[in-house]
Amino acid sequence: MDYAVGDVVKLKKAHPCGSSEWEILRTGADFRLKCMGCGRQIMIARKLVEKNTRGLRKKADGE
């Protein structure tokens, strides 16, 4: 998959707040993701994001 900053990924497991959607803030060997529910930010390995992705919503051009 082609991940870019600003895209929203849906992961397998939900965050403890209940949301399973995360906004990508940084890409590379590690991703920085922000929970769309509570705003918490995490760093996670690219391999884990690719393995656990269930959906990808691209950033709109106007944003």
Foldseek 3Di string as FASTA:
>chain_A
DDDDQQKKFFFDDADPLGARIWGWHDDDQWTWTAGPRPGDIDIGGPVRCVVGTPDMGDHDPVD
